[in-house]
Amino acid sequence: MSTSIDSGTARLIADEGAHLASNYSPLPVVIAQGEGAWVTDVEGKRYLDLLSAYSALNFGHGHPAIVTAAQEQLNRLTLTSRAYHNDRLGPFAAALAELCGKDLVLPMNTGAEAVETGIKVARAWGYRVKGIRPDAATVVVADGNFHGRTTTIVGFSDDPTARNDFGPFAPGFVHVPYGDASAIEAAIDENTAAVLIEPIQGEAGVVIPPEGYLRAVREICTRENVLFIADEIQSGLGRVGTTFACDREGVVPDVYLLGKALGGGILPLSAVVADRDVLGVIRPGEHGSTFGGNPLASAVGLRVVEMLASGEFQTRAAALGEHLEAKLADLVGHGVTAVRVAGLWAGVDIDPAVGTGREVAERLLARGVLVKDTHGQTIRIAPPLTIRATELDWAVEQLKHVLTA
């Protein structure tokens, strides 16, 4: 495949750039169609999608069961707002609560909204249940985190690109090193309402904490009467070979933050899920969203939960993840310095002698494989859970070629 950009693609990219704010730096490809693990650009070239819209497309492009649910609902009812009840929200909430083993669901739209909602819930719980003095509640967060890009969230990020020039920031967050449970324990005091962590840090490059870390966090939070909030927006819903990344250590947090794949790659859908003694602190009028819990999103979300309830996708991700890990391990020392794999989610650190992560992503694009770089030298691999082993093998062969060419 040629590394040059076709004239039609170049024109569309230029037209987009003329009127679109530059908050992203996309790879030079214009996608027009998708099916399963493959997408086709405006020139008719096909690419294997190993990004899955940052895990929002866990079930691939246009999964028939999800598309059918959306189409059926589109013909019935799409939006009521929460001023009224709708007939899809209750079944969706019940199914998601059961999948999570919790009592209540608070539906929102985006992952960042779920995180913001989780913070509000933690603070309200801290004041109304734990008895923290007014306006003193704090939340412990981890270095290297990525929870979204709202002003509150970037305020406790240590990524200068996300943070610089967007202050002043909200107080109330205490930073600790990721993967160090003893640092969390030392940071907790009488004003701590919650510990907010990603069970696996995705944006940081699929950073997997040491074995036992999540169990230790759970034990500390229980002992100190602090909420354990797990941001499973990228890591959850089958991605790592289990329903949630916390399941890898047999841990159940107090609060799940969910999003991305919950919307089936069709539309934005997120949720905060917790038991009644936590999420029940929110009262009418204190939090909401016009589109949160809309019937279209609820119908899609219900279908996604039903698909996950079978366990098929989790099992598939676990088996294919082992296959992928074995293939990627062979690249270490040959243009790759390290790999980290959890289910069908991998961080691949590129040897600087080969190039940057962005350069490798562009070379893979030229060979029909879509990945995305992060933090300079890392590329992330997160294919749809519907991908075949032979397709993974072909993708790794393309990576091997660009590393050694």
Protein backbone atom coordinates (compact mmCIF):
# COMPACT_ATOMS: atom_id res chain seq x y z
CA MET A 1 0.00 0.00 0.00
CA SER A 2 1.33 3.42 -0.93
CA THR A 3 2.48 5.75 1.82
CA SER A 4 1.28 8.80 -0.14
CA ILE A 5 -2.12 10.38 0.48
CA ASP A 6 -4.57 10.20 -2.41
CA SER A 7 -5.86 13.50 -3.72
CA GLY A 8 -9.44 12.79 -2.61
CA THR A 9 -8.29 11.99 0.91
CA ALA A 10 -6.05 15.07 1.01
CA ARG A 11 -8.93 17.29 -0.07
CA LEU A 12 -11.28 15.94 2.59
CA ILE A 13 -8.63 16.35 5.28
CA ALA A 14 -7.99 19.93 4.15
CA ASP A 15 -11.70 20.74 4.12
CA GLU A 16 -12.06 19.31 7.62
CA GLY A 17 -9.08 21.28 8.88
CA ALA A 18 -10.50 24.52 7.53
CA HIS A 19 -13.50 24.44 9.87
CA LEU A 20 -12.67 22.02 12.70
CA ALA A 21 -10.91 22.97 15.93
CA SER A 22 -7.53 21.24 16.20
CA ASN A 23 -8.07 19.27 19.40
CA TYR A 24 -6.87 16.04 17.73
CA SER A 25 -4.04 15.08 15.40
CA PRO A 26 -5.55 12.19 13.45
CA LEU A 27 -3.69 9.80 11.21
CA PRO A 28 -4.04 10.79 7.52
CA VAL A 29 -6.91 8.48 6.62
CA VAL A 30 -10.59 9.28 6.00
CA ILE A 31 -12.81 6.34 6.92
CA ALA A 32 -16.14 5.94 5.17
CA GLN A 33 -17.38 2.46 6.11
CA GLY A 34 -16.82 -0.26 8.69
CA GLU A 35 -17.75 -3.87 9.21
CA GLY A 36 -16.52 -6.12 11.99
CA ALA A 37 -12.80 -5.52 12.53
CA TRP A 38 -12.32 -3.80 9.17
CA VAL A 39 -12.87 -0.27 7.87
CA THR A 40 -12.74 1.16 4.35
CA ASP A 41 -11.56 4.64 3.47
CA VAL A 42 -12.95 7.04 0.86
CA GLU A 43 -10.55 5.65 -1.74
CA GLY A 44 -11.77 2.08 -1.19
CA LYS A 45 -8.72 0.89 0.75
CA ARG A 46 -9.34 -1.51 3.63
CA TYR A 47 -7.68 -1.40 7.05
CA LEU A 48 -7.71 -3.72 10.05
CA ASP A 49 -8.87 -1.63 13.01
CA LEU A 50 -6.70 -2.33 16.05
CA LEU A 51 -7.91 0.69 18.01
CA SER A 52 -11.69 0.09 18.21
CA ALA A 53 -12.30 3.78 18.95
CA TYR A 54 -10.37 3.44 22.22
CA SER A 55 -12.44 0.33 23.16
CA ALA A 56 -15.82 1.88 22.33
CA LEU A 57 -16.10 -0.68 19.51
CA ASN A 58 -15.49 -3.82 21.56
CA PHE A 59 -18.08 -5.63 19.42
CA GLY A 60 -16.76 -4.33 16.12
CA HIS A 61 -18.21 -2.03 13.52
CA GLY A 62 -21.91 -2.54 12.87
CA HIS A 63 -22.51 -5.63 14.99
CA PRO A 64 -25.86 -6.92 13.65
CA ALA A 65 -27.46 -7.48 17.05
CA ILE A 66 -26.60 -3.97 18.24
CA VAL A 67 -27.57 -2.30 14.96
CA THR A 68 -30.91 -4.11 15.01
CA ALA A 69 -31.62 -2.90 18.56
CA ALA A 70 -30.83 0.67 17.51
CA GLN A 71 -32.90 0.51 14.33
CA GLU A 72 -35.92 -0.92 16.11
CA GLN A 73 -35.76 1.78 18.77
CA LEU A 74 -35.20 4.57 16.21
CA ASN A 75 -38.60 3.74 14.77
CA ARG A 76 -40.29 3.90 18.18
CA LEU A 77 -38.85 6.61 20.46
CA THR A 78 -35.44 8.26 20.81
CA LEU A 79 -35.67 10.90 23.53
CA THR A 80 -37.99 11.96 26.32
CA SER A 81 -35.54 13.55 28.78
CA ARG A 82 -35.77 12.39 32.38
CA ALA A 83 -38.81 14.61 32.90
CA TYR A 84 -40.78 11.48 32.05
CA HIS A 85 -40.27 7.74 32.33
CA ASN A 86 -39.51 5.69 29.22
CA ASP A 87 -40.03 1.99 28.68
CA ARG A 88 -36.38 1.14 27.86
CA LEU A 89 -34.56 2.73 30.79
CA GLY A 90 -35.86 0.41 33.52
CA PRO A 91 -34.92 -2.85 31.76
CA PHE A 92 -31.49 -1.46 30.88
CA ALA A 93 -30.79 -0.33 34.44
CA ALA A 94 -31.91 -3.66 35.87
CA ALA A 95 -29.74 -5.66 33.47
CA LEU A 96 -26.64 -3.49 34.01
CA ALA A 97 -27.07 -3.57 37.79
CA GLU A 98 -27.24 -7.36 37.64
CA LEU A 99 -24.14 -7.58 35.43
CA CYS A 100 -22.25 -5.46 37.97
CA GLY A 101 -23.74 -7.12 41.05
CA LYS A 102 -24.96 -3.75 42.30
CA ASP A 103 -28.29 -2.12 43.20
CA LEU A 104 -28.46 1.15 41.28
CA VAL A 105 -27.45 2.71 37.96
CA LEU A 106 -27.07 6.41 37.17
CA PRO A 107 -26.95 6.76 33.36
CA MET A 108 -25.05 9.52 31.60
CA ASN A 109 -23.55 9.94 28.13
CA THR A 110 -19.77 10.19 28.04
CA GLY A 111 -16.99 8.67 30.08
CA ALA A 112 -15.94 12.05 31.43
CA GLU A 113 -19.52 12.61 32.62
CA ALA A 114 -19.39 9.29 34.44
CA VAL A 115 -16.19 10.32 36.20
CA GLU A 116 -17.58 13.73 37.14
CA THR A 117 -20.72 12.02 38.42
CA GLY A 118 -18.64 9.55 40.43
CA ILE A 119 -16.78 12.43 42.07
CA LYS A 120 -20.04 14.17 42.99
CA VAL A 121 -21.44 10.94 44.42
CA ALA A 122 -18.27 10.34 46.44
CA ARG A 123 -18.36 13.84 47.91
CA ALA A 124 -22.07 13.61 48.76
CA TRP A 125 -21.49 10.20 50.36
CA GLY A 126 -18.56 11.63 52.30
CA TYR A 127 -20.68 14.41 53.78
CA ARG A 128 -24.02 12.63 54.21
CA VAL A 129 -22.87 9.18 55.25
CA LYS A 130 -19.29 9.29 56.46
CA GLY A 131 -19.65 12.66 58.18
CA ILE A 132 -16.79 14.60 56.62
CA ARG A 133 -16.95 18.28 57.52
CA PRO A 134 -18.40 20.57 54.82
CA ASP A 135 -16.27 21.32 51.75
CA ALA A 136 -13.34 19.25 53.05
CA ALA A 137 -13.80 15.94 51.18
CA THR A 138 -10.84 14.68 49.19
CA VAL A 139 -10.36 11.97 46.57
CA VAL A 140 -7.11 10.03 46.19
CA VAL A 141 -6.01 9.68 42.54
CA ALA A 142 -3.04 8.03 40.84
CA ASP A 143 -0.19 9.56 38.90
CA GLY A 144 -0.40 8.84 35.18
CA ASN A 145 -4.19 8.77 35.29
CA PHE A 146 -6.51 9.54 32.42
CA HIS A 147 -10.16 10.00 33.36
CA GLY A 148 -11.25 12.53 30.72
CA ARG A 149 -10.72 16.13 29.73
CA THR A 150 -13.20 18.27 31.67
CA THR A 151 -11.67 21.05 33.74
CA THR A 152 -12.13 19.17 37.01
CA ILE A 153 -10.53 16.02 35.64
CA VAL A 154 -7.53 17.63 33.93
CA GLY A 155 -6.92 19.46 37.19
CA PHE A 156 -5.77 16.20 38.75
CA SER A 157 -3.94 14.98 35.64
CA ASP A 158 -0.14 15.11 35.49
CA ASP A 159 -0.12 15.21 31.68
CA PRO A 160 1.01 18.74 30.74
CA THR A 161 -0.77 18.57 27.37
CA ALA A 162 -4.09 17.93 29.09
CA ARG A 163 -3.45 20.34 31.97
CA ASN A 164 -1.43 23.39 30.89
CA ASP A 165 -3.33 26.67 30.39
CA PHE A 166 -6.68 25.32 31.61
CA GLY A 167 -6.52 26.36 35.27
CA PRO A 168 -7.44 27.38 37.88
CA PHE A 169 -8.38 23.89 38.98
CA ALA A 170 -10.71 22.47 41.57
CA PRO A 171 -9.07 21.43 44.85
CA GLY A 172 -9.76 18.22 46.72
CA PHE A 173 -7.50 15.66 45.00
CA VAL A 174 -4.48 13.89 46.48
CA HIS A 175 -1.93 12.27 44.15
CA VAL A 176 -0.10 9.01 44.79
CA PRO A 177 2.09 6.80 42.58
CA TYR A 178 0.15 4.25 40.52
CA GLY A 179 0.53 0.66 41.62
CA ASP A 180 1.62 1.55 45.18
CA ALA A 181 -1.08 0.52 47.64
CA SER A 182 0.96 1.65 50.65
CA ALA A 183 1.00 5.20 49.22
CA ILE A 184 -2.79 5.13 49.06
CA GLU A 185 -2.97 3.99 52.66
CA ALA A 186 -0.62 6.79 53.73
CA ALA A 187 -2.66 9.41 51.84
CA ILE A 188 -5.97 8.57 53.49
CA ASP A 189 -7.13 10.74 56.38
CA GLU A 190 -10.42 11.69 58.04
CA ASN A 191 -11.43 13.78 55.00
CA THR A 192 -10.89 11.09 52.37
CA ALA A 193 -14.13 10.17 50.63
CA ALA A 194 -12.82 7.93 47.85
CA VAL A 195 -9.93 6.39 45.97
CA LEU A 196 -10.36 6.77 42.20
CA ILE A 197 -8.16 4.57 40.01
CA GLU A 198 -8.06 2.81 36.67
CA PRO A 199 -7.56 -0.94 37.27
CA ILE A 200 -5.36 -0.75 34.16
CA GLN A 201 -4.16 2.62 32.91
CA GLY A 202 -5.09 2.80 29.23
CA GLU A 203 -3.99 6.21 27.98
CA ALA A 204 -0.71 5.78 29.85
CA GLY A 205 0.08 2.83 27.57
CA VAL A 206 -1.86 -0.15 29.00
CA VAL A 207 -0.01 0.01 32.31
CA ILE A 208 -0.87 -3.05 34.42
CA PRO A 209 -0.36 -2.67 38.20
CA PRO A 210 1.50 -5.28 40.26
CA GLU A 211 -0.34 -8.46 41.19
CA GLY A 212 -2.28 -7.91 44.41
CA TYR A 213 -2.55 -4.13 44.01
CA LEU A 214 -6.30 -4.07 43.49
CA ARG A 215 -6.89 -6.48 46.37
CA ALA A 216 -4.80 -4.27 48.63
CA VAL A 217 -6.72 -1.16 47.55
CA ARG A 218 -9.99 -2.96 48.28
CA GLU A 219 -8.81 -4.00 51.74
CA ILE A 220 -7.54 -0.51 52.58
CA CYS A 221 -10.74 1.21 51.45
CA THR A 222 -12.90 -1.21 53.42
CA ARG A 223 -10.83 -0.80 56.57
CA GLU A 224 -10.66 3.01 56.34
CA ASN A 225 -14.33 3.50 55.31
CA VAL A 226 -13.41 5.01 51.95
CA LEU A 227 -15.13 4.35 48.63
CA PHE A 228 -13.16 2.40 46.01
CA ILE A 229 -14.12 3.85 42.61
CA ALA A 230 -12.94 1.85 39.59
CA ASP A 231 -12.79 3.67 36.28
CA GLU A 232 -13.56 0.76 33.95
CA ILE A 233 -14.52 2.98 31.02
CA GLN A 234 -11.79 1.53 28.79
CA SER A 235 -10.86 -1.64 30.68
CA GLY A 236 -14.37 -2.94 31.34
CA LEU A 237 -17.04 -4.80 29.40
CA GLY A 238 -14.97 -7.73 28.16
CA ARG A 239 -11.83 -5.97 26.94
CA VAL A 240 -9.35 -7.74 29.24
CA GLY A 241 -10.89 -11.23 29.10
CA THR A 242 -13.16 -10.69 32.08
CA THR A 243 -16.27 -8.55 32.41
CA PHE A 244 -14.29 -5.99 34.39
CA ALA A 245 -10.56 -5.55 34.91
CA CYS A 246 -11.18 -5.73 38.67
CA ASP A 247 -12.33 -9.33 38.12
CA ARG A 248 -8.73 -10.27 37.34
CA GLU A 249 -8.04 -10.05 41.09
CA GLY A 250 -11.49 -11.06 42.27
CA VAL A 251 -12.16 -7.52 43.51
CA VAL A 252 -15.48 -5.68 43.59
CA PRO A 253 -15.21 -1.89 43.92
CA ASP A 254 -17.86 0.23 45.60
CA VAL A 255 -18.46 2.16 42.38
CA TYR A 256 -18.04 1.19 38.73
CA LEU A 257 -17.59 3.94 36.15
CA LEU A 258 -18.56 2.61 32.72
CA GLY A 259 -18.76 4.01 29.21
CA LYS A 260 -17.33 3.54 25.70
CA ALA A 261 -18.33 -0.05 24.79
CA LEU A 262 -21.57 0.32 26.75
CA GLY A 263 -22.91 2.28 23.77
CA GLY A 264 -22.01 -0.54 21.39
CA GLY A 265 -20.12 1.79 19.07
CA ILE A 266 -23.48 3.32 18.11
CA LEU A 267 -23.83 6.29 20.44
CA PRO A 268 -22.44 7.73 23.68
CA LEU A 269 -23.60 5.92 26.82
CA SER A 270 -22.01 5.85 30.25
CA ALA A 271 -23.07 4.93 33.75
CA VAL A 272 -22.17 5.02 37.41
CA VAL A 273 -23.12 1.76 39.11
CA ALA A 274 -23.11 1.21 42.87
CA ASP A 275 -25.17 -0.12 45.75
CA ARG A 276 -28.04 1.84 47.25
CA ASP A 277 -26.10 2.93 50.33
CA VAL A 278 -23.70 4.80 48.01
CA LEU A 279 -25.61 5.92 44.93
CA GLY A 280 -28.76 6.48 46.96
CA VAL A 281 -27.26 9.71 48.33
CA ILE A 282 -28.20 11.55 45.11
CA ARG A 283 -31.55 13.33 45.39
CA PRO A 284 -33.88 14.64 42.66
CA GLY A 285 -32.54 17.83 41.11
CA GLU A 286 -28.95 17.39 42.30
CA HIS A 287 -27.63 15.77 39.14
CA GLY A 288 -28.94 15.03 35.69
CA SER A 289 -28.62 15.03 31.93
CA THR A 290 -31.16 15.73 29.17
CA PHE A 291 -29.88 12.77 27.15
CA GLY A 292 -28.81 10.55 30.05
CA GLY A 293 -30.89 7.36 30.03
CA ASN A 294 -32.59 8.20 26.74
CA PRO A 295 -34.59 5.30 25.25
CA LEU A 296 -32.33 4.86 22.22
CA ALA A 297 -29.19 4.58 24.33
CA SER A 298 -31.01 2.36 26.83
CA ALA A 299 -32.11 -0.04 24.08
CA VAL A 300 -28.55 -0.27 22.74
CA GLY A 301 -27.08 -0.60 26.24
CA LEU A 302 -29.51 -3.36 27.11
CA ARG A 303 -28.46 -5.33 24.04
CA VAL A 304 -24.77 -4.87 24.95
CA VAL A 305 -25.38 -6.11 28.50
CA GLU A 306 -27.30 -9.12 27.16
CA MET A 307 -24.37 -9.98 24.91
CA LEU A 308 -21.91 -9.73 27.78
CA ALA A 309 -24.11 -11.79 30.10
CA SER A 310 -23.36 -14.90 28.03
CA GLY A 311 -19.63 -14.64 28.76
CA GLU A 312 -18.81 -15.39 25.11
CA PHE A 313 -16.91 -12.19 24.48
CA GLN A 314 -14.94 -12.37 27.70
CA THR A 315 -13.82 -15.92 26.91
CA ARG A 316 -12.90 -14.93 23.38
CA ALA A 317 -10.87 -11.92 24.54
CA ALA A 318 -8.97 -14.05 27.06
CA ALA A 319 -8.04 -16.74 24.52
CA LEU A 320 -7.13 -14.33 21.72
CA GLY A 321 -5.22 -12.19 24.21
CA GLU A 322 -2.95 -15.12 25.06
CA HIS A 323 -2.42 -15.69 21.36
CA LEU A 324 -1.60 -12.01 20.77
CA GLU A 325 0.76 -11.85 23.74
CA ALA A 326 2.78 -14.80 22.44
CA LYS A 327 3.12 -13.15 19.04
CA LEU A 328 4.10 -9.74 20.45
CA ALA A 329 6.62 -11.24 22.88
CA ASP A 330 8.68 -12.39 19.90
CA LEU A 331 9.17 -8.75 18.90
CA VAL A 332 10.89 -7.73 22.14
CA GLY A 333 14.50 -6.97 21.28
CA HIS A 334 13.61 -6.54 17.62
CA GLY A 335 12.37 -2.97 17.54
CA VAL A 336 10.23 -3.37 20.67
CA THR A 337 11.51 -2.78 24.20
CA ALA A 338 8.50 -4.08 26.15
CA VAL A 339 4.93 -5.29 25.78
CA ARG A 340 2.08 -5.32 28.28
CA VAL A 341 -1.01 -7.38 27.51
CA ALA A 342 -4.33 -7.84 29.31
CA GLY A 343 -6.86 -9.75 27.24
CA LEU A 344 -7.18 -8.06 23.84
CA TRP A 345 -5.46 -4.90 25.04
CA ALA A 346 -1.76 -4.32 24.55
CA GLY A 347 0.78 -1.58 25.02
CA VAL A 348 3.84 -1.94 22.79
CA ASP A 349 6.88 0.21 23.59
CA ILE A 350 8.83 1.05 20.43
CA ASP A 351 12.63 1.22 20.46
CA PRO A 352 13.55 4.88 19.79
CA ALA A 353 16.11 3.65 17.26
CA VAL A 354 13.18 2.48 15.11
CA GLY A 355 11.17 5.67 15.43
CA THR A 356 8.42 7.22 17.51
CA GLY A 357 5.09 5.62 18.21
CA ARG A 358 3.48 8.05 15.77
CA GLU A 359 5.94 7.11 13.02
CA VAL A 360 5.28 3.42 13.52
CA ALA A 361 1.52 4.06 13.47
CA GLU A 362 1.88 5.88 10.15
CA ARG A 363 3.96 3.05 8.70
CA LEU A 364 1.33 0.55 9.80
CA LEU A 365 -1.35 2.71 8.23
CA ALA A 366 0.46 2.39 4.92
CA ARG A 367 0.30 -1.40 5.30
CA GLY A 368 -3.40 -1.49 6.16
CA VAL A 369 -3.32 -1.59 9.97
CA LEU A 370 -4.77 1.10 12.26
CA VAL A 371 -3.24 1.71 15.68
CA LYS A 372 -2.63 4.87 17.70
CA ASP A 373 0.39 6.11 19.57
CA THR A 374 0.48 7.43 23.11
CA HIS A 375 3.18 9.03 25.26
CA GLY A 376 5.71 9.21 22.46
CA GLN A 377 7.08 5.68 22.18
CA THR A 378 4.05 3.47 22.80
CA ILE A 379 1.40 2.13 20.45
CA ARG A 380 -1.84 0.66 21.77
CA ILE A 381 -3.52 -2.40 20.32
CA ALA A 382 -7.21 -2.89 21.14
CA PRO A 383 -8.99 -4.75 18.34
CA PRO A 384 -12.68 -5.60 18.37
CA LEU A 385 -13.33 -8.71 20.43
CA THR A 386 -14.79 -10.25 17.26
CA ILE A 387 -11.41 -10.29 15.49
CA ARG A 388 -10.00 -13.63 14.27
CA ALA A 389 -6.64 -15.12 15.26
CA THR A 390 -5.51 -15.12 11.64
CA GLU A 391 -6.21 -11.39 11.44
CA LEU A 392 -4.14 -10.78 14.56
CA ASP A 393 -1.31 -12.84 13.05
CA TRP A 394 -1.40 -10.75 9.88
CA ALA A 395 -1.36 -7.51 11.87
CA VAL A 396 1.66 -8.62 13.91
CA GLU A 397 3.43 -9.54 10.66
CA GLN A 398 2.83 -5.99 9.42
CA LEU A 399 4.24 -4.62 12.67
CA LYS A 400 7.28 -6.88 12.34
CA HIS A 401 7.83 -5.58 8.82
CA VAL A 402 7.72 -1.89 9.77
CA LEU A 403 10.04 -2.51 12.71
CA THR A 404 12.69 -4.19 10.59
CA ALA A 405 12.27 -2.44 7.22
